[in-house]
Each structure stands twice: as structure tokens, then as C-alpha cells.
N, C-alpha and C. Protein backbone atom coordinates (compact mmCIF):
# COMPACT_ATOMS: atom_id res chain seq x y z
N MET A 1 -1.02 -10.34 -30.11
CA MET A 1 -1.82 -10.45 -28.90
C MET A 1 -1.76 -11.86 -28.31
N LYS A 2 -1.88 -12.87 -29.18
CA LYS A 2 -1.81 -14.25 -28.73
C LYS A 2 -0.46 -14.56 -28.11
N HIS A 3 0.62 -14.01 -28.69
CA HIS A 3 1.96 -14.22 -28.16
C HIS A 3 2.09 -13.62 -26.77
N ILE A 4 1.52 -12.43 -26.58
CA ILE A 4 1.57 -11.77 -25.27
C ILE A 4 0.79 -12.58 -24.23
N LYS A 5 -0.37 -13.12 -24.65
CA LYS A 5 -1.19 -13.93 -23.74
C LYS A 5 -0.43 -15.17 -23.28
N ILE A 6 0.28 -15.81 -24.21
CA ILE A 6 1.06 -17.00 -23.87
C ILE A 6 2.18 -16.65 -22.90
N ARG A 7 2.83 -15.51 -23.15
CA ARG A 7 3.93 -15.08 -22.27
C ARG A 7 3.43 -14.81 -20.85
N VAL A 8 2.28 -14.15 -20.76
CA VAL A 8 1.71 -13.84 -19.44
C VAL A 8 1.32 -15.12 -18.71
N GLN A 9 0.72 -16.08 -19.43
CA GLN A 9 0.31 -17.34 -18.82
C GLN A 9 1.49 -18.15 -18.32
N SER A 10 2.66 -17.95 -18.91
CA SER A 10 3.85 -18.70 -18.51
C SER A 10 4.58 -18.04 -17.34
N MET A 11 4.15 -16.84 -16.96
CA MET A 11 4.81 -16.12 -15.87
C MET A 11 4.35 -16.64 -14.51
N SER A 12 5.22 -16.52 -13.52
CA SER A 12 4.87 -16.92 -12.17
C SER A 12 4.02 -15.84 -11.51
N LEU A 13 3.45 -16.16 -10.35
CA LEU A 13 2.63 -15.21 -9.61
C LEU A 13 3.43 -13.98 -9.23
N ILE A 14 4.67 -14.18 -8.81
CA ILE A 14 5.54 -13.06 -8.42
C ILE A 14 5.84 -12.17 -9.61
N GLN A 15 6.14 -12.78 -10.76
CA GLN A 15 6.44 -12.01 -11.96
C GLN A 15 5.24 -11.18 -12.41
N ILE A 16 4.05 -11.77 -12.35
CA ILE A 16 2.85 -11.05 -12.74
C ILE A 16 2.58 -9.89 -11.77
N SER A 17 2.81 -10.13 -10.48
CA SER A 17 2.61 -9.08 -9.48
C SER A 17 3.56 -7.91 -9.72
N ILE A 18 4.82 -8.23 -10.00
CA ILE A 18 5.81 -7.19 -10.27
C ILE A 18 5.45 -6.42 -11.53
N LEU A 19 4.98 -7.14 -12.55
CA LEU A 19 4.57 -6.50 -13.80
C LEU A 19 3.42 -5.53 -13.56
N LEU A 20 2.44 -5.93 -12.77
CA LEU A 20 1.30 -5.06 -12.47
C LEU A 20 1.74 -3.83 -11.68
N MET A 21 2.67 -4.04 -10.74
CA MET A 21 3.20 -2.92 -9.97
C MET A 21 3.93 -1.93 -10.87
N ILE A 22 4.77 -2.45 -11.75
CA ILE A 22 5.53 -1.59 -12.68
C ILE A 22 4.58 -0.83 -13.59
N LEU A 23 3.53 -1.50 -14.04
CA LEU A 23 2.54 -0.85 -14.89
C LEU A 23 1.86 0.29 -14.14
N GLY A 24 1.52 0.04 -12.87
CA GLY A 24 0.91 1.07 -12.05
C GLY A 24 1.84 2.24 -11.81
N VAL A 25 3.11 1.94 -11.51
CA VAL A 25 4.10 2.99 -11.30
C VAL A 25 4.26 3.84 -12.56
N PHE A 26 4.29 3.17 -13.71
CA PHE A 26 4.44 3.88 -14.99
C PHE A 26 3.33 4.90 -15.18
N PHE A 27 2.08 4.47 -14.96
CA PHE A 27 0.96 5.40 -15.14
C PHE A 27 0.95 6.47 -14.06
N GLY A 28 1.42 6.14 -12.85
CA GLY A 28 1.52 7.14 -11.79
C GLY A 28 2.49 8.24 -12.16
N VAL A 29 3.66 7.85 -12.66
CA VAL A 29 4.66 8.83 -13.10
C VAL A 29 4.14 9.64 -14.28
N LEU A 30 3.46 8.96 -15.21
CA LEU A 30 2.92 9.64 -16.39
C LEU A 30 1.89 10.70 -16.00
N PHE A 31 0.97 10.33 -15.12
CA PHE A 31 -0.06 11.28 -14.69
C PHE A 31 0.54 12.42 -13.89
N ALA A 32 1.54 12.13 -13.07
CA ALA A 32 2.19 13.18 -12.28
C ALA A 32 2.82 14.22 -13.19
N ASN A 33 3.42 13.79 -14.27
CA ASN A 33 4.04 14.71 -15.21
C ASN A 33 3.01 15.47 -16.05
N ILE A 34 1.96 14.78 -16.49
CA ILE A 34 0.94 15.41 -17.33
C ILE A 34 0.16 16.47 -16.55
N PHE A 35 -0.21 16.13 -15.30
CA PHE A 35 -1.06 17.03 -14.52
C PHE A 35 -0.28 17.80 -13.45
N GLN A 36 1.00 18.01 -13.70
CA GLN A 36 1.84 18.71 -12.73
C GLN A 36 1.29 20.08 -12.37
N SER A 37 0.84 20.84 -13.35
CA SER A 37 0.36 22.20 -13.11
C SER A 37 -0.90 22.23 -12.25
N SER A 38 -1.72 21.16 -12.34
CA SER A 38 -2.98 21.14 -11.61
C SER A 38 -2.81 20.91 -10.11
N TYR A 39 -1.74 20.22 -9.71
CA TYR A 39 -1.54 19.98 -8.28
C TYR A 39 -0.37 20.79 -7.72
N TYR A 40 0.22 21.68 -8.51
CA TYR A 40 1.35 22.47 -8.03
C TYR A 40 0.94 23.37 -6.86
N ASP A 41 -0.21 24.02 -6.98
CA ASP A 41 -0.68 24.91 -5.91
C ASP A 41 -0.93 24.13 -4.63
N ARG A 42 -1.47 22.90 -4.78
CA ARG A 42 -1.72 22.08 -3.59
C ARG A 42 -0.41 21.69 -2.92
N MET A 43 0.58 21.37 -3.72
CA MET A 43 1.90 21.03 -3.16
C MET A 43 2.49 22.22 -2.41
N MET A 44 2.36 23.39 -2.97
CA MET A 44 2.88 24.60 -2.32
C MET A 44 2.12 24.88 -1.03
N ASN A 45 0.81 24.58 -1.00
CA ASN A 45 0.03 24.76 0.21
C ASN A 45 0.54 23.84 1.31
N TYR A 46 0.82 22.57 0.95
CA TYR A 46 1.40 21.64 1.91
C TYR A 46 2.74 22.14 2.39
N HIS A 47 3.52 22.67 1.46
CA HIS A 47 4.85 23.14 1.81
C HIS A 47 4.78 24.31 2.80
N ASN A 48 3.89 25.26 2.53
CA ASN A 48 3.85 26.50 3.32
C ASN A 48 3.02 26.40 4.58
N LEU A 49 1.97 25.56 4.56
CA LEU A 49 1.05 25.52 5.69
C LEU A 49 1.11 24.20 6.47
N VAL A 50 0.86 23.11 5.79
CA VAL A 50 0.76 21.82 6.48
C VAL A 50 2.09 21.40 7.08
N PHE A 51 3.16 21.51 6.30
CA PHE A 51 4.48 21.12 6.80
C PHE A 51 4.85 21.94 8.03
N THR A 52 4.59 23.25 7.95
CA THR A 52 4.91 24.13 9.07
C THR A 52 4.12 23.77 10.32
N GLU A 53 2.84 23.45 10.13
CA GLU A 53 1.99 23.08 11.26
C GLU A 53 2.46 21.79 11.91
N ILE A 54 2.85 20.81 11.09
CA ILE A 54 3.32 19.53 11.63
C ILE A 54 4.58 19.73 12.47
N VAL A 55 5.48 20.58 12.00
CA VAL A 55 6.74 20.81 12.69
C VAL A 55 6.51 21.55 14.00
N ARG A 56 5.63 22.52 14.00
CA ARG A 56 5.46 23.38 15.17
C ARG A 56 4.51 22.82 16.22
N GLU A 57 3.53 22.05 15.80
CA GLU A 57 2.54 21.53 16.75
C GLU A 57 2.97 20.18 17.33
N ASP A 58 2.50 19.92 18.55
CA ASP A 58 2.77 18.62 19.17
C ASP A 58 1.89 17.55 18.52
N ILE A 59 2.43 16.37 18.39
CA ILE A 59 1.70 15.27 17.78
C ILE A 59 0.92 14.51 18.84
N ASP A 60 -0.36 14.29 18.56
CA ASP A 60 -1.19 13.44 19.42
C ASP A 60 -0.95 11.99 19.00
N TYR A 61 0.07 11.38 19.58
CA TYR A 61 0.47 10.05 19.15
C TYR A 61 -0.62 9.00 19.35
N THR A 62 -1.32 9.08 20.48
CA THR A 62 -2.38 8.11 20.75
C THR A 62 -3.51 8.24 19.74
N GLY A 63 -3.95 9.47 19.51
CA GLY A 63 -5.01 9.71 18.54
C GLY A 63 -4.61 9.28 17.14
N LEU A 64 -3.37 9.56 16.77
CA LEU A 64 -2.86 9.18 15.46
C LEU A 64 -2.79 7.66 15.34
N PHE A 65 -2.36 7.00 16.39
CA PHE A 65 -2.27 5.54 16.38
C PHE A 65 -3.65 4.91 16.19
N LEU A 66 -4.64 5.41 16.91
CA LEU A 66 -6.00 4.87 16.79
C LEU A 66 -6.56 5.10 15.39
N TYR A 67 -6.25 6.27 14.81
CA TYR A 67 -6.71 6.57 13.46
C TYR A 67 -6.08 5.62 12.44
N VAL A 68 -4.74 5.47 12.52
CA VAL A 68 -4.01 4.61 11.59
C VAL A 68 -4.45 3.16 11.75
N LEU A 69 -4.60 2.72 13.00
CA LEU A 69 -5.01 1.35 13.27
C LEU A 69 -6.40 1.07 12.71
N ASN A 70 -7.32 1.99 12.92
CA ASN A 70 -8.69 1.83 12.41
C ASN A 70 -8.71 1.77 10.89
N LYS A 71 -7.97 2.66 10.25
CA LYS A 71 -7.90 2.70 8.78
C LYS A 71 -7.29 1.42 8.23
N ASN A 72 -6.19 0.98 8.82
CA ASN A 72 -5.51 -0.22 8.33
C ASN A 72 -6.35 -1.48 8.51
N PHE A 73 -7.02 -1.61 9.65
CA PHE A 73 -7.79 -2.82 9.89
C PHE A 73 -9.07 -2.85 9.06
N LYS A 74 -9.61 -1.69 8.72
CA LYS A 74 -10.76 -1.67 7.81
C LYS A 74 -10.35 -2.22 6.45
N GLU A 75 -9.20 -1.77 5.94
CA GLU A 75 -8.70 -2.26 4.66
C GLU A 75 -8.35 -3.74 4.74
N PHE A 76 -7.79 -4.15 5.86
CA PHE A 76 -7.42 -5.55 6.08
C PHE A 76 -8.65 -6.46 6.03
N ILE A 77 -9.71 -6.05 6.72
CA ILE A 77 -10.93 -6.85 6.77
C ILE A 77 -11.60 -6.90 5.39
N VAL A 78 -11.65 -5.75 4.71
CA VAL A 78 -12.25 -5.70 3.38
C VAL A 78 -11.49 -6.61 2.42
N PHE A 79 -10.15 -6.57 2.51
CA PHE A 79 -9.32 -7.40 1.63
C PHE A 79 -9.67 -8.88 1.79
N TRP A 80 -9.76 -9.36 3.02
CA TRP A 80 -9.99 -10.78 3.24
C TRP A 80 -11.43 -11.18 2.96
N LEU A 81 -12.37 -10.27 3.18
CA LEU A 81 -13.76 -10.57 2.84
C LEU A 81 -13.93 -10.73 1.33
N ILE A 82 -13.25 -9.86 0.56
CA ILE A 82 -13.34 -9.96 -0.90
C ILE A 82 -12.54 -11.16 -1.41
N SER A 83 -11.47 -11.52 -0.69
CA SER A 83 -10.63 -12.64 -1.11
C SER A 83 -11.36 -13.97 -1.10
N ILE A 84 -12.42 -14.09 -0.31
CA ILE A 84 -13.17 -15.34 -0.27
C ILE A 84 -14.38 -15.30 -1.20
N THR A 85 -14.40 -14.30 -2.10
CA THR A 85 -15.44 -14.23 -3.12
C THR A 85 -14.81 -14.44 -4.49
N ILE A 86 -15.64 -14.57 -5.51
CA ILE A 86 -15.16 -14.76 -6.87
C ILE A 86 -14.45 -13.51 -7.39
N LEU A 87 -14.65 -12.37 -6.71
CA LEU A 87 -14.02 -11.11 -7.11
C LEU A 87 -12.62 -10.95 -6.51
N GLY A 88 -12.16 -11.97 -5.78
CA GLY A 88 -10.89 -11.87 -5.09
C GLY A 88 -9.72 -11.52 -5.99
N ILE A 89 -9.50 -12.28 -7.05
CA ILE A 89 -8.35 -12.06 -7.93
C ILE A 89 -8.44 -10.74 -8.68
N PRO A 90 -9.59 -10.38 -9.28
CA PRO A 90 -9.68 -9.05 -9.91
C PRO A 90 -9.41 -7.92 -8.92
N TYR A 91 -9.86 -8.09 -7.68
CA TYR A 91 -9.62 -7.08 -6.65
C TYR A 91 -8.14 -6.94 -6.34
N MET A 92 -7.42 -8.06 -6.28
CA MET A 92 -5.98 -8.03 -6.02
C MET A 92 -5.21 -7.37 -7.17
N ILE A 93 -5.65 -7.64 -8.39
CA ILE A 93 -5.04 -6.98 -9.56
C ILE A 93 -5.23 -5.47 -9.45
N PHE A 94 -6.45 -5.07 -9.09
CA PHE A 94 -6.75 -3.64 -8.91
C PHE A 94 -5.88 -3.03 -7.81
N LYS A 95 -5.71 -3.74 -6.69
CA LYS A 95 -4.91 -3.22 -5.58
C LYS A 95 -3.45 -3.06 -5.99
N LEU A 96 -2.91 -4.00 -6.74
CA LEU A 96 -1.53 -3.90 -7.21
C LEU A 96 -1.34 -2.71 -8.13
N LEU A 97 -2.29 -2.53 -9.04
CA LEU A 97 -2.21 -1.40 -9.98
C LEU A 97 -2.30 -0.06 -9.25
N THR A 98 -3.25 0.05 -8.32
CA THR A 98 -3.43 1.31 -7.60
C THR A 98 -2.27 1.59 -6.65
N LEU A 99 -1.72 0.52 -6.06
CA LEU A 99 -0.56 0.70 -5.19
C LEU A 99 0.63 1.20 -5.98
N GLY A 100 0.88 0.60 -7.13
CA GLY A 100 1.95 1.05 -8.00
C GLY A 100 1.71 2.47 -8.49
N PHE A 101 0.46 2.77 -8.85
CA PHE A 101 0.12 4.12 -9.33
C PHE A 101 0.39 5.16 -8.24
N SER A 102 -0.04 4.87 -7.02
CA SER A 102 0.16 5.80 -5.90
C SER A 102 1.65 6.04 -5.64
N MET A 103 2.43 4.96 -5.66
CA MET A 103 3.87 5.08 -5.45
C MET A 103 4.51 5.92 -6.54
N GLY A 104 4.17 5.62 -7.80
CA GLY A 104 4.75 6.35 -8.91
C GLY A 104 4.38 7.82 -8.89
N PHE A 105 3.11 8.10 -8.61
CA PHE A 105 2.65 9.49 -8.58
C PHE A 105 3.32 10.26 -7.45
N PHE A 106 3.35 9.65 -6.26
CA PHE A 106 3.91 10.33 -5.09
C PHE A 106 5.40 10.62 -5.27
N ILE A 107 6.16 9.60 -5.67
CA ILE A 107 7.60 9.77 -5.84
C ILE A 107 7.90 10.79 -6.93
N SER A 108 7.16 10.72 -8.03
CA SER A 108 7.38 11.65 -9.13
C SER A 108 7.04 13.08 -8.72
N ALA A 109 5.92 13.25 -8.01
CA ALA A 109 5.50 14.59 -7.57
C ALA A 109 6.52 15.20 -6.62
N ILE A 110 7.00 14.41 -5.66
CA ILE A 110 7.99 14.91 -4.71
C ILE A 110 9.30 15.24 -5.42
N ALA A 111 9.71 14.38 -6.33
CA ALA A 111 10.96 14.60 -7.06
C ALA A 111 10.89 15.87 -7.91
N MET A 112 9.76 16.12 -8.57
CA MET A 112 9.63 17.32 -9.39
C MET A 112 9.58 18.57 -8.53
N GLN A 113 9.02 18.45 -7.33
CA GLN A 113 8.90 19.61 -6.46
C GLN A 113 10.20 19.94 -5.73
N TYR A 114 10.91 18.91 -5.24
CA TYR A 114 12.07 19.14 -4.39
C TYR A 114 13.38 18.65 -4.97
N GLY A 115 13.32 17.95 -6.11
CA GLY A 115 14.55 17.47 -6.72
C GLY A 115 15.22 16.39 -5.88
N PHE A 116 16.55 16.40 -5.87
CA PHE A 116 17.32 15.40 -5.13
C PHE A 116 17.02 15.46 -3.63
N LYS A 117 16.69 16.64 -3.16
CA LYS A 117 16.38 16.82 -1.74
C LYS A 117 15.13 16.05 -1.34
N GLY A 118 14.27 15.73 -2.30
CA GLY A 118 13.03 15.03 -2.00
C GLY A 118 13.22 13.59 -1.59
N ILE A 119 14.40 13.02 -1.84
CA ILE A 119 14.66 11.62 -1.48
C ILE A 119 14.48 11.40 0.02
N LEU A 120 14.99 12.34 0.81
CA LEU A 120 14.87 12.22 2.26
C LEU A 120 13.41 12.24 2.69
N LEU A 121 12.61 13.08 2.04
CA LEU A 121 11.19 13.18 2.38
C LEU A 121 10.46 11.89 2.00
N ILE A 122 10.79 11.34 0.85
CA ILE A 122 10.18 10.09 0.40
C ILE A 122 10.49 8.96 1.39
N LEU A 123 11.74 8.87 1.81
CA LEU A 123 12.14 7.83 2.76
C LEU A 123 11.45 8.01 4.11
N SER A 124 11.31 9.25 4.54
CA SER A 124 10.71 9.50 5.86
C SER A 124 9.23 9.14 5.88
N TYR A 125 8.56 9.19 4.74
CA TYR A 125 7.15 8.81 4.68
C TYR A 125 6.97 7.31 4.84
N GLY A 126 7.98 6.52 4.53
CA GLY A 126 7.83 5.07 4.58
C GLY A 126 8.64 4.36 5.63
N PHE A 127 9.41 5.10 6.44
CA PHE A 127 10.29 4.46 7.43
C PHE A 127 9.83 4.81 8.83
N PRO A 128 9.84 3.81 9.73
CA PRO A 128 10.29 2.41 9.58
C PRO A 128 9.13 1.44 9.28
N HIS A 129 7.89 1.97 9.27
CA HIS A 129 6.72 1.10 9.13
C HIS A 129 6.68 0.36 7.79
N GLY A 130 7.34 0.93 6.78
CA GLY A 130 7.39 0.25 5.49
C GLY A 130 8.09 -1.10 5.57
N LEU A 131 9.00 -1.25 6.53
CA LEU A 131 9.69 -2.53 6.72
C LEU A 131 8.72 -3.62 7.17
N ILE A 132 7.60 -3.21 7.75
CA ILE A 132 6.55 -4.15 8.16
C ILE A 132 5.49 -4.26 7.06
N TYR A 133 5.09 -3.12 6.53
CA TYR A 133 3.99 -3.11 5.56
C TYR A 133 4.34 -3.85 4.26
N ILE A 134 5.56 -3.71 3.77
CA ILE A 134 5.92 -4.33 2.49
C ILE A 134 5.80 -5.86 2.55
N PRO A 135 6.47 -6.54 3.51
CA PRO A 135 6.28 -8.01 3.59
C PRO A 135 4.86 -8.39 3.94
N LEU A 136 4.15 -7.54 4.70
CA LEU A 136 2.75 -7.81 5.05
C LEU A 136 1.88 -7.81 3.79
N ILE A 137 2.07 -6.83 2.93
CA ILE A 137 1.32 -6.75 1.67
C ILE A 137 1.60 -7.97 0.80
N ILE A 138 2.87 -8.34 0.72
CA ILE A 138 3.25 -9.51 -0.10
C ILE A 138 2.59 -10.78 0.43
N LEU A 139 2.63 -10.97 1.74
CA LEU A 139 2.02 -12.16 2.34
C LEU A 139 0.51 -12.18 2.15
N CYS A 140 -0.13 -11.02 2.32
CA CYS A 140 -1.58 -10.95 2.15
C CYS A 140 -1.98 -11.28 0.72
N LEU A 141 -1.26 -10.72 -0.24
CA LEU A 141 -1.58 -10.97 -1.65
C LEU A 141 -1.37 -12.44 -1.99
N TYR A 142 -0.28 -13.02 -1.49
CA TYR A 142 0.02 -14.43 -1.78
C TYR A 142 -1.03 -15.35 -1.17
N LYS A 143 -1.31 -15.13 0.11
CA LYS A 143 -2.28 -16.00 0.79
C LYS A 143 -3.70 -15.75 0.27
N GLY A 144 -4.01 -14.49 -0.03
CA GLY A 144 -5.32 -14.18 -0.56
C GLY A 144 -5.55 -14.81 -1.92
N TYR A 145 -4.53 -14.76 -2.77
CA TYR A 145 -4.62 -15.38 -4.09
C TYR A 145 -4.77 -16.89 -3.97
N SER A 146 -3.96 -17.51 -3.11
CA SER A 146 -4.03 -18.97 -2.91
C SER A 146 -5.40 -19.38 -2.38
N LEU A 147 -5.94 -18.57 -1.48
CA LEU A 147 -7.25 -18.86 -0.90
C LEU A 147 -8.34 -18.80 -1.96
N CYS A 148 -8.32 -17.74 -2.77
CA CYS A 148 -9.35 -17.57 -3.82
C CYS A 148 -9.27 -18.70 -4.86
N VAL A 149 -8.06 -19.05 -5.26
CA VAL A 149 -7.87 -20.12 -6.24
C VAL A 149 -8.36 -21.45 -5.68
N SER A 150 -8.02 -21.71 -4.43
CA SER A 150 -8.42 -22.98 -3.80
C SER A 150 -9.93 -23.12 -3.70
N ILE A 151 -10.61 -22.01 -3.46
CA ILE A 151 -12.06 -22.06 -3.29
C ILE A 151 -12.80 -22.18 -4.62
N TYR A 152 -12.40 -21.37 -5.59
CA TYR A 152 -13.21 -21.24 -6.81
C TYR A 152 -12.64 -21.95 -8.04
N TYR A 153 -11.41 -22.42 -7.96
CA TYR A 153 -10.82 -23.06 -9.14
C TYR A 153 -10.38 -24.50 -8.90
N ASP A 154 -10.08 -24.83 -7.65
CA ASP A 154 -9.64 -26.19 -7.34
C ASP A 154 -10.80 -27.09 -6.92
N LYS A 155 -11.86 -26.47 -6.38
CA LYS A 155 -12.99 -27.26 -5.89
C LYS A 155 -14.30 -26.61 -6.35
N ARG A 156 -15.41 -27.30 -6.12
CA ARG A 156 -16.71 -26.78 -6.52
C ARG A 156 -17.68 -26.63 -5.35
N ASN A 157 -17.34 -27.19 -4.22
CA ASN A 157 -18.19 -27.03 -3.03
C ASN A 157 -17.77 -25.75 -2.32
N TYR A 158 -18.20 -24.61 -2.88
CA TYR A 158 -17.71 -23.32 -2.44
C TYR A 158 -17.94 -23.04 -0.96
N ALA A 159 -19.17 -23.27 -0.49
CA ALA A 159 -19.49 -22.95 0.90
C ALA A 159 -18.64 -23.76 1.87
N GLY A 160 -18.54 -25.05 1.61
CA GLY A 160 -17.74 -25.90 2.48
C GLY A 160 -16.26 -25.56 2.42
N THR A 161 -15.79 -25.24 1.22
CA THR A 161 -14.38 -24.90 1.04
C THR A 161 -14.03 -23.61 1.76
N ILE A 162 -14.93 -22.64 1.72
CA ILE A 162 -14.68 -21.36 2.40
C ILE A 162 -14.50 -21.59 3.89
N MET A 163 -15.38 -22.36 4.51
CA MET A 163 -15.29 -22.61 5.94
C MET A 163 -14.02 -23.40 6.28
N GLU A 164 -13.67 -24.36 5.45
CA GLU A 164 -12.46 -25.15 5.67
C GLU A 164 -11.22 -24.26 5.66
N HIS A 165 -11.15 -23.36 4.68
CA HIS A 165 -9.98 -22.51 4.55
C HIS A 165 -9.91 -21.45 5.64
N ILE A 166 -11.05 -20.95 6.05
CA ILE A 166 -11.05 -19.98 7.15
C ILE A 166 -10.48 -20.62 8.41
N LYS A 167 -10.89 -21.85 8.68
CA LYS A 167 -10.40 -22.56 9.86
C LYS A 167 -8.91 -22.87 9.74
N SER A 168 -8.48 -23.32 8.55
CA SER A 168 -7.07 -23.71 8.37
C SER A 168 -6.13 -22.52 8.32
N ASN A 169 -6.66 -21.34 8.04
CA ASN A 169 -5.81 -20.15 7.92
C ASN A 169 -5.97 -19.17 9.07
N ILE A 170 -6.68 -19.58 10.11
CA ILE A 170 -6.97 -18.66 11.21
C ILE A 170 -5.70 -18.15 11.89
N PHE A 171 -4.70 -19.03 12.06
CA PHE A 171 -3.47 -18.61 12.71
C PHE A 171 -2.65 -17.70 11.81
N VAL A 172 -2.73 -17.92 10.50
CA VAL A 172 -2.06 -17.02 9.55
C VAL A 172 -2.68 -15.64 9.62
N LEU A 173 -4.00 -15.57 9.67
CA LEU A 173 -4.70 -14.30 9.74
C LEU A 173 -4.36 -13.55 11.04
N ILE A 174 -4.27 -14.31 12.12
CA ILE A 174 -3.90 -13.69 13.41
C ILE A 174 -2.48 -13.14 13.33
N PHE A 175 -1.57 -13.90 12.73
CA PHE A 175 -0.18 -13.46 12.57
C PHE A 175 -0.12 -12.18 11.74
N LEU A 176 -0.86 -12.14 10.63
CA LEU A 176 -0.88 -10.96 9.77
C LEU A 176 -1.50 -9.76 10.49
N ALA A 177 -2.52 -10.02 11.32
CA ALA A 177 -3.14 -8.95 12.09
C ALA A 177 -2.18 -8.37 13.11
N VAL A 178 -1.36 -9.23 13.72
CA VAL A 178 -0.35 -8.76 14.68
C VAL A 178 0.69 -7.91 13.96
N LEU A 179 1.10 -8.34 12.76
CA LEU A 179 2.04 -7.54 11.97
C LEU A 179 1.45 -6.18 11.64
N LEU A 180 0.16 -6.16 11.30
CA LEU A 180 -0.50 -4.91 10.97
C LEU A 180 -0.57 -3.99 12.19
N LEU A 181 -0.81 -4.58 13.34
CA LEU A 181 -0.81 -3.82 14.59
C LEU A 181 0.56 -3.21 14.85
N LEU A 182 1.61 -4.00 14.65
CA LEU A 182 2.98 -3.51 14.84
C LEU A 182 3.30 -2.40 13.84
N GLY A 183 2.92 -2.61 12.57
CA GLY A 183 3.16 -1.59 11.55
C GLY A 183 2.44 -0.30 11.86
N SER A 184 1.21 -0.40 12.34
CA SER A 184 0.43 0.79 12.70
C SER A 184 1.07 1.54 13.86
N PHE A 185 1.59 0.78 14.82
CA PHE A 185 2.28 1.40 15.96
C PHE A 185 3.53 2.15 15.50
N LEU A 186 4.31 1.51 14.65
CA LEU A 186 5.53 2.16 14.15
C LEU A 186 5.21 3.40 13.32
N GLU A 187 4.15 3.30 12.51
CA GLU A 187 3.78 4.45 11.68
C GLU A 187 3.35 5.63 12.53
N ALA A 188 2.54 5.36 13.57
CA ALA A 188 1.99 6.44 14.38
C ALA A 188 3.01 7.06 15.33
N TYR A 189 3.83 6.22 15.94
CA TYR A 189 4.75 6.72 16.95
C TYR A 189 6.14 7.03 16.40
N VAL A 190 6.73 6.08 15.71
CA VAL A 190 8.11 6.26 15.23
C VAL A 190 8.14 7.01 13.90
N GLY A 191 7.29 6.56 12.95
CA GLY A 191 7.27 7.18 11.64
C GLY A 191 6.90 8.65 11.69
N SER A 192 5.88 9.00 12.46
CA SER A 192 5.47 10.40 12.56
C SER A 192 6.56 11.26 13.22
N PHE A 193 7.31 10.68 14.16
CA PHE A 193 8.41 11.41 14.80
C PHE A 193 9.51 11.72 13.78
N PHE A 194 9.89 10.70 12.99
CA PHE A 194 10.91 10.92 11.97
C PHE A 194 10.45 11.93 10.91
N LEU A 195 9.17 11.82 10.53
CA LEU A 195 8.63 12.75 9.53
C LEU A 195 8.65 14.18 10.06
N LYS A 196 8.29 14.35 11.30
CA LYS A 196 8.29 15.68 11.93
C LYS A 196 9.70 16.28 11.92
N LYS A 197 10.71 15.47 12.23
CA LYS A 197 12.08 15.95 12.23
C LYS A 197 12.59 16.23 10.82
N THR A 198 12.15 15.44 9.86
CA THR A 198 12.58 15.60 8.47
C THR A 198 12.00 16.86 7.85
N LEU A 199 10.75 17.16 8.18
CA LEU A 199 10.08 18.32 7.57
C LEU A 199 10.72 19.65 7.97
N VAL A 200 11.54 19.64 9.00
CA VAL A 200 12.26 20.85 9.39
C VAL A 200 13.10 21.38 8.22
N PHE A 201 13.63 20.46 7.41
CA PHE A 201 14.50 20.84 6.28
C PHE A 201 13.71 21.36 5.07
N TYR A 202 12.36 21.31 5.15
CA TYR A 202 11.55 21.68 3.99
C TYR A 202 10.71 22.93 4.20
N ILE A 203 10.84 23.55 5.35
CA ILE A 203 10.10 24.78 5.60
C ILE A 203 11.07 25.94 5.70
N ASN A 204 10.55 27.12 5.38
CA ASN A 204 11.41 28.32 5.40
C ASN A 204 11.68 28.77 6.82
């Protein structure tokens, strides 16, 4: 145990983040395989009903955009509010684990249901907005971690440090918010269009 602790302490922030993601993916794949029978009916319902409805019905792009934007910005605000508290780092560890778990579970479930054909469906769920979301997540985690460490581990005047960092990072936050806006737009308008066209290959 002591040897493992030393190894973890010697790892960089990026290495630890990747390790947490891999750990989350592992448990996601494990749970997907263990509980396959419990969600099989739900997958078939999506296949027979939801997929068909998405393909046949017109997409309300504006409504979808507002929904995605609202959901994303709520998570964005919560992330930064928690990042300036002592719970910032534990929260980021939790987010990395759950993100990895969700990815592992989703990919494993799709692969078991559709086999090799599921690759196209997996890609369509993340393209093209994933090209924005992935670097956005990395930047948020990096800046959020640096902010939390600077406030609670480098200094002791917490209140003053919080205000100083909010002011010094305001342009970074605006930049990240613009990226989130762009990602939400791509997900609602472009991503949903590609998904709609892709699902044609998955319905009878």
C-alpha cells in the first residue's frame, strides 16, 4: 500500500487524471457486462420506439439547443462554484470517475447490442461537438484544479485569494463559456442531424 501511495504521489496531474478515467471506464464496462440482462429490454425499447421516432419526426433544433445550453451551463456553473471551495479536488476526482464510468458503460452496452455496427452509432453520439467538449473538459479540470490548489494549499487568506483568482481568471472563464456555447450549438444543430441520419441504419 505504501509503495502504491508513493507511486501515485510521483505521478503528474495528467497521469492521475488518465488513471482515474481508466478506472471509471473499467467499472463502466464491468457493470455493463454484469447487468446486461437488466437493461436489455430498455435497449430494445430505444431500438424499436425511440430510434424510429427520432428518424421520422422533425427535430426542433431551437428547442433542443436551448435545452442543451441550459443543461451545460448549469453543470458549468456548479463546477466552478465547487472549484472555489475545499471540496473542489474531491469533486473533480468524482467527475473524472463518473465520466469514465459513463463512457465505459455506454460503449460497452452499444457494442454488446450492435457489435461492430455499433461503432458508427458511438461516433455519431459524440461528433462533432465532442471535438469541443473534450478540450473544454480538460481545460476546466486543469484550471479548476489549479484554482483550488492556489486558494486552499498555497495561501491561507481564503476569502481574499478567492476574489483575486476570480478577477485574474475572468477572461479564461469567458473563453470557456464561449467554447461551451459553441459546443452546445454543434450538439443541438449538427450533432442531432448526424445522429438522425445515422439512426436510419439501426431501425427496421
